[in-house]
Amino acid sequence: MKAITVPTWYYRHFGADRSLDVPAEGYGGWNKADLEMDADRTALVVMHAWDCGTWDEYPGWHQAVEYIPRSYDICKRVMPGLLETVRSNKMKVYHVVRPNSEYYKGLSGYLRAQSMTSVREESFDRIEQDPVMARMLRFKSEFSYPGEANKADIIRGQAAIDFPEEVRPVGTEGIAENADQLFALCKEDGVNHLIYTGFAINGCLITSPGGMLDMQKRGLLCSAIRQAVTAIENKETARTEQAKELALWYVALMFGFVYDLDDLLNAISLE
């Protein structure tokens, strides 16, 4: 065990005070504690970090996914230093990629994960779709997200995605396209704590294959780095990134902890 001590954000979600107009305002809220971390059993996860091209190349995709520029900024400004520190201190790095894509298929880290899992399609019984439901879903796709005019650009862009240069896997770093592959990597490497980075904290990092929901079901602690994620924002939240703040609270409440970048880098570097 390589124990390090890391200043760690947690949310004190109790203490409702019935004497207040809003009892939840009695909660303890965000607090920080120096907690132990086993660096040998912890891995950094880079999830859904994509080169999505430019607005000029895929305007429909960029119109529907407004956080792409923020993801590019994080990849250029935050990820190089984070990855360099983690790698130089022999901590594990995993990459969770877009399933059924080609941009990672020939890399050794993916072949390693693939070799440890059976080839199978996860399947569920599904409710039969009737004509009314089909019309509702069509309306949602056309007028809510992503918008009928944007679909062609999204399809073209997703077919051409790649790793941004700043977060490209190195050596045999594990690459997983689903939860079974990521879990197999964790089992082989003795990892029980995943610290997520990538895009987006209130979408893919929680619900996509290999996200926090999947991995928590398999017994892993799932945390995040505040400065290394962004969120899906809407018209009302984008200016202040309120959706990101709410998502970090949700991670701290339901999955694990939240780290500040400098606190984590300093703790790792001191080891």
Protein backbone atom coordinates (compact mmCIF):
# COMPACT_ATOMS: atom_id res chain seq x y z
CA MET A 1 0.00 0.00 0.00
CA LYS A 2 1.29 3.44 -0.98
CA ALA A 3 -0.70 5.72 1.30
CA ILE A 4 -0.91 9.41 0.57
CA THR A 5 -2.94 12.09 2.31
CA VAL A 6 -5.09 14.27 0.07
CA PRO A 7 -7.26 17.28 0.99
CA THR A 8 -10.67 15.95 0.00
CA TRP A 9 -14.01 17.66 -0.54
CA TYR A 10 -17.10 15.97 0.86
CA TYR A 11 -20.66 17.22 1.30
CA ARG A 12 -22.25 17.18 4.75
CA HIS A 13 -25.78 16.34 3.66
CA PHE A 14 -27.51 16.37 7.01
CA GLY A 15 -28.48 18.77 9.74
CA ALA A 16 -31.81 19.97 8.37
CA ASP A 17 -33.16 22.57 10.77
CA ARG A 18 -36.94 22.70 11.10
CA SER A 19 -36.74 26.15 12.68
CA LEU A 20 -35.64 27.57 9.29
CA ASP A 21 -37.96 28.53 6.46
CA VAL A 22 -35.94 26.11 4.30
CA PRO A 23 -34.76 23.32 6.62
CA ALA A 24 -32.06 22.12 4.18
CA GLU A 25 -30.25 25.42 4.75
CA GLY A 26 -29.12 23.84 8.00
CA TYR A 27 -27.04 21.25 6.17
CA GLY A 28 -23.31 21.34 6.76
CA GLY A 29 -22.62 21.75 3.03
CA TRP A 30 -19.18 21.50 1.43
CA ASN A 31 -16.31 20.65 3.75
CA LYS A 32 -12.72 19.55 3.31
CA ALA A 33 -10.82 16.86 5.20
CA ASP A 34 -7.36 15.32 4.88
CA LEU A 35 -8.16 11.74 3.89
CA GLU A 36 -5.96 8.80 3.14
CA MET A 37 -5.72 7.44 -0.41
CA ASP A 38 -4.03 4.23 -1.49
CA ALA A 39 -2.22 5.35 -4.64
CA ASP A 40 -1.50 1.74 -5.64
CA ARG A 41 -5.21 0.96 -5.73
CA THR A 42 -6.32 4.20 -7.36
CA ALA A 43 -6.54 4.95 -11.09
CA LEU A 44 -7.15 8.13 -13.02
CA VAL A 45 -9.91 7.70 -15.61
CA VAL A 46 -9.96 9.87 -18.73
CA MET A 47 -13.47 9.39 -20.12
CA HIS A 48 -14.88 10.55 -23.43
CA ALA A 49 -12.10 13.02 -24.14
CA TRP A 50 -12.63 13.53 -27.86
CA ASP A 51 -11.36 15.65 -30.69
CA CYS A 52 -14.73 16.67 -32.11
CA GLY A 53 -13.36 18.83 -34.90
CA THR A 54 -14.17 22.51 -35.28
CA TRP A 55 -17.38 24.50 -35.52
CA ASP A 56 -16.67 25.08 -39.19
CA GLU A 57 -16.30 21.34 -39.82
CA TYR A 58 -19.34 20.16 -37.82
CA PRO A 59 -21.51 23.19 -37.01
CA GLY A 60 -24.54 21.10 -36.11
CA TRP A 61 -22.62 19.11 -33.50
CA HIS A 62 -21.13 22.21 -31.90
CA GLN A 63 -24.54 23.93 -31.85
CA ALA A 64 -26.08 21.02 -29.93
CA VAL A 65 -23.09 20.26 -27.64
CA GLU A 66 -22.07 23.62 -26.24
CA TYR A 67 -19.44 22.27 -23.85
CA ILE A 68 -17.01 21.14 -26.60
CA PRO A 69 -14.89 24.34 -26.35
CA ARG A 70 -14.62 23.90 -22.56
CA SER A 71 -13.53 20.30 -23.04
CA TYR A 72 -10.80 21.45 -25.45
CA ASP A 73 -9.61 24.03 -22.93
CA ILE A 74 -9.39 21.42 -20.15
CA CYS A 75 -7.49 19.02 -22.43
CA LYS A 76 -4.94 21.71 -23.28
CA ARG A 77 -4.65 23.51 -19.94
CA VAL A 78 -5.29 20.88 -17.24
CA MET A 79 -4.74 17.38 -18.54
CA PRO A 80 -1.06 17.49 -19.61
CA GLY A 81 0.21 18.39 -16.14
CA LEU A 82 -2.18 16.00 -14.43
CA LEU A 83 -1.23 13.07 -16.66
CA GLU A 84 2.48 13.81 -16.38
CA THR A 85 2.32 13.80 -12.58
CA VAL A 86 0.20 10.66 -12.37
CA ARG A 87 2.34 8.76 -14.86
CA SER A 88 5.66 9.82 -13.35
CA ASN A 89 4.49 8.59 -9.96
CA LYS A 90 3.44 5.21 -11.36
CA MET A 91 -0.27 5.65 -10.74
CA LYS A 92 -2.53 3.88 -13.20
CA VAL A 93 -4.35 5.65 -16.03
CA TYR A 94 -7.38 4.23 -17.83
CA HIS A 95 -9.17 5.62 -20.87
CA VAL A 96 -12.90 5.08 -21.39
CA VAL A 97 -13.78 5.54 -25.05
CA ARG A 98 -16.83 5.80 -27.28
CA PRO A 99 -18.15 2.27 -27.80
CA ASN A 100 -18.19 0.79 -31.29
CA SER A 101 -15.73 3.31 -32.68
CA GLU A 102 -12.47 2.70 -34.52
CA TYR A 103 -10.04 5.28 -33.14
CA TYR A 104 -8.68 3.02 -30.37
CA LYS A 105 -9.13 -0.50 -31.78
CA GLY A 106 -5.48 -1.10 -32.68
CA LEU A 107 -3.95 0.20 -29.44
CA SER A 108 -2.31 -2.24 -27.04
CA GLY A 109 -4.25 -0.96 -24.02
CA TYR A 110 -7.54 -1.80 -25.72
CA LEU A 111 -6.34 -5.21 -26.87
CA ARG A 112 -5.36 -5.94 -23.25
CA ALA A 113 -8.83 -5.06 -21.95
CA GLN A 114 -10.54 -6.88 -24.79
CA SER A 115 -8.57 -10.06 -24.15
CA MET A 116 -9.83 -10.22 -20.56
CA THR A 117 -13.55 -10.08 -21.38
CA SER A 118 -15.96 -12.12 -23.44
CA VAL A 119 -17.41 -10.66 -26.60
CA ARG A 120 -21.05 -10.03 -25.89
CA GLU A 121 -23.69 -7.40 -26.42
CA GLU A 122 -25.40 -6.24 -23.24
CA SER A 123 -29.11 -6.72 -23.84
CA PHE A 124 -32.35 -6.10 -22.00
CA ASP A 125 -35.97 -6.91 -22.53
CA ARG A 126 -37.60 -3.80 -23.93
CA ILE A 127 -41.12 -2.45 -23.91
CA GLU A 128 -42.67 -2.52 -27.35
CA GLN A 129 -42.80 0.90 -28.98
CA ASP A 130 -46.26 1.89 -30.17
CA PRO A 131 -47.05 4.62 -32.73
CA VAL A 132 -47.77 7.25 -30.06
CA MET A 133 -44.47 6.65 -28.30
CA ALA A 134 -42.65 6.72 -31.65
CA ARG A 135 -44.17 10.12 -32.42
CA MET A 136 -43.19 11.42 -28.97
CA LEU A 137 -39.59 10.28 -29.41
CA ARG A 138 -39.44 11.76 -32.91
CA PHE A 139 -40.71 15.09 -31.58
CA LYS A 140 -38.12 15.01 -28.78
CA SER A 141 -35.32 14.35 -31.24
CA GLU A 142 -36.44 17.06 -33.65
CA PHE A 143 -37.33 19.84 -31.23
CA SER A 144 -35.53 19.12 -27.91
CA TYR A 145 -32.19 17.43 -28.63
CA PRO A 146 -30.24 17.30 -30.88
CA GLY A 147 -32.46 19.03 -33.45
CA GLU A 148 -33.25 17.65 -36.87
CA ALA A 149 -30.87 19.98 -38.72
CA ASN A 150 -27.93 18.92 -36.53
CA LYS A 151 -28.13 15.14 -36.90
CA ALA A 152 -26.09 14.81 -40.08
CA ASP A 153 -23.17 16.80 -38.66
CA ILE A 154 -23.22 14.76 -35.45
CA ILE A 155 -23.13 11.49 -37.35
CA ARG A 156 -20.26 12.73 -39.54
CA GLY A 157 -18.33 14.09 -36.58
CA GLN A 158 -18.71 11.01 -34.41
CA ALA A 159 -17.44 8.84 -37.23
CA ALA A 160 -14.22 10.88 -37.28
CA ILE A 161 -13.53 11.37 -33.55
CA ASP A 162 -10.09 10.72 -32.12
CA PHE A 163 -8.18 11.32 -28.90
CA PRO A 164 -7.00 14.89 -28.45
CA GLU A 165 -3.22 14.83 -28.63
CA GLU A 166 -2.92 15.97 -25.02
CA VAL A 167 -4.71 12.88 -23.63
CA ARG A 168 -3.66 10.20 -26.08
CA PRO A 169 -2.95 6.89 -24.28
CA VAL A 170 0.69 6.07 -23.58
CA GLY A 171 2.16 2.59 -23.70
CA THR A 172 -0.17 -0.10 -22.40
CA GLU A 173 -2.53 2.17 -20.44
CA GLY A 174 -5.86 0.41 -20.24
CA ILE A 175 -8.53 1.39 -22.76
CA ALA A 176 -12.12 0.28 -22.15
CA GLU A 177 -15.24 0.72 -24.25
CA ASN A 178 -17.61 -0.80 -21.70
CA ALA A 179 -17.99 -1.54 -18.00
CA ASP A 180 -16.87 -5.16 -18.26
CA GLN A 181 -13.56 -4.14 -19.81
CA LEU A 182 -12.95 -1.39 -17.27
CA PHE A 183 -13.80 -3.75 -14.42
CA ALA A 184 -11.42 -6.38 -15.83
CA LEU A 185 -8.62 -3.81 -15.87
CA CYS A 186 -9.39 -2.83 -12.28
CA LYS A 187 -9.40 -6.46 -11.12
CA GLU A 188 -6.11 -7.26 -12.82
CA ASP A 189 -4.44 -4.12 -11.48
CA GLY A 190 -5.94 -4.29 -7.98
CA VAL A 191 -7.77 -0.97 -8.36
CA ASN A 192 -10.76 -0.12 -6.16
CA HIS A 193 -10.93 3.69 -6.53
CA LEU A 194 -11.47 5.51 -9.82
CA ILE A 195 -10.94 9.27 -10.12
CA TYR A 196 -12.84 10.49 -13.16
CA THR A 197 -11.91 13.26 -15.55
CA GLY A 198 -13.52 14.07 -18.88
CA PHE A 199 -16.79 15.05 -20.38
CA ALA A 200 -19.44 15.49 -19.23
CA ILE A 201 -19.71 15.10 -15.46
CA ASN A 202 -23.53 15.16 -15.42
CA GLY A 203 -23.92 12.91 -18.47
CA CYS A 204 -21.46 10.36 -19.80
CA LEU A 205 -19.25 10.16 -16.71
CA ILE A 206 -22.24 8.93 -14.72
CA THR A 207 -24.50 7.09 -17.14
CA SER A 208 -22.44 5.89 -20.14
CA PRO A 209 -20.81 2.43 -20.29
CA GLY A 210 -17.89 2.48 -17.86
CA GLY A 211 -19.29 5.47 -15.99
CA MET A 212 -19.85 5.82 -12.25
CA LEU A 213 -23.18 4.01 -12.13
CA ASP A 214 -21.68 0.95 -13.77
CA MET A 215 -18.57 0.91 -11.64
CA GLN A 216 -20.28 1.62 -8.33
CA LYS A 217 -22.45 -1.46 -8.95
CA ARG A 218 -19.21 -3.43 -9.17
CA GLY A 219 -18.00 -2.13 -5.80
CA LEU A 220 -15.65 0.68 -6.84
CA LEU A 221 -15.43 4.11 -5.23
CA CYS A 222 -15.87 6.79 -7.91
CA SER A 223 -14.59 10.34 -7.45
CA ALA A 224 -13.88 13.36 -9.68
CA ILE A 225 -11.45 16.26 -10.08
CA ARG A 226 -13.25 19.60 -10.14
CA GLN A 227 -10.94 21.32 -12.63
CA ALA A 228 -10.74 18.32 -14.99
CA VAL A 229 -14.45 17.99 -15.83
CA THR A 230 -17.15 20.08 -17.37
CA ALA A 231 -20.90 19.61 -17.61
CA ILE A 232 -23.78 19.74 -20.03
CA GLU A 233 -25.16 23.21 -19.43
CA ASN A 234 -28.34 24.86 -20.65
CA LYS A 235 -29.36 28.39 -21.55
CA GLU A 236 -30.05 29.24 -17.92
CA THR A 237 -26.91 27.68 -16.38
CA ALA A 238 -24.12 28.03 -18.94
CA ARG A 239 -22.84 31.45 -17.89
CA THR A 240 -22.11 30.34 -14.31
CA GLU A 241 -21.78 26.57 -14.93
CA GLN A 242 -24.39 25.81 -12.29
CA ALA A 243 -25.03 22.36 -13.75
CA LYS A 244 -21.39 21.43 -13.10
CA GLU A 245 -21.63 22.53 -9.47
CA LEU A 246 -24.81 20.51 -8.97
CA ALA A 247 -23.21 17.46 -10.59
CA LEU A 248 -20.15 17.65 -8.33
CA TRP A 249 -22.47 17.73 -5.32
CA TYR A 250 -24.23 14.66 -6.72
CA VAL A 251 -20.92 12.82 -7.14
CA ALA A 252 -19.90 13.70 -3.58
CA LEU A 253 -23.28 12.54 -2.26
CA MET A 254 -23.84 9.36 -4.27
CA PHE A 255 -20.48 8.04 -5.47
CA GLY A 256 -17.26 9.24 -3.84
CA PHE A 257 -15.36 12.48 -3.30
CA VAL A 258 -14.28 15.61 -5.16
CA TYR A 259 -10.65 16.71 -5.44
CA ASP A 260 -9.11 20.02 -6.38
CA LEU A 261 -6.42 19.62 -9.01
CA ASP A 262 -3.59 21.30 -7.09
CA ASP A 263 -4.35 19.39 -3.89
CA LEU A 264 -4.17 16.08 -5.72
CA LEU A 265 -1.04 16.98 -7.69
CA ASN A 266 0.76 18.13 -4.55
CA ALA A 267 -0.17 14.98 -2.64
CA ILE A 268 0.98 12.70 -5.44
CA SER A 269 4.20 14.64 -6.00
CA LEU A 270 5.15 14.50 -2.31
CA GLU A 271 5.16 10.73 -2.39
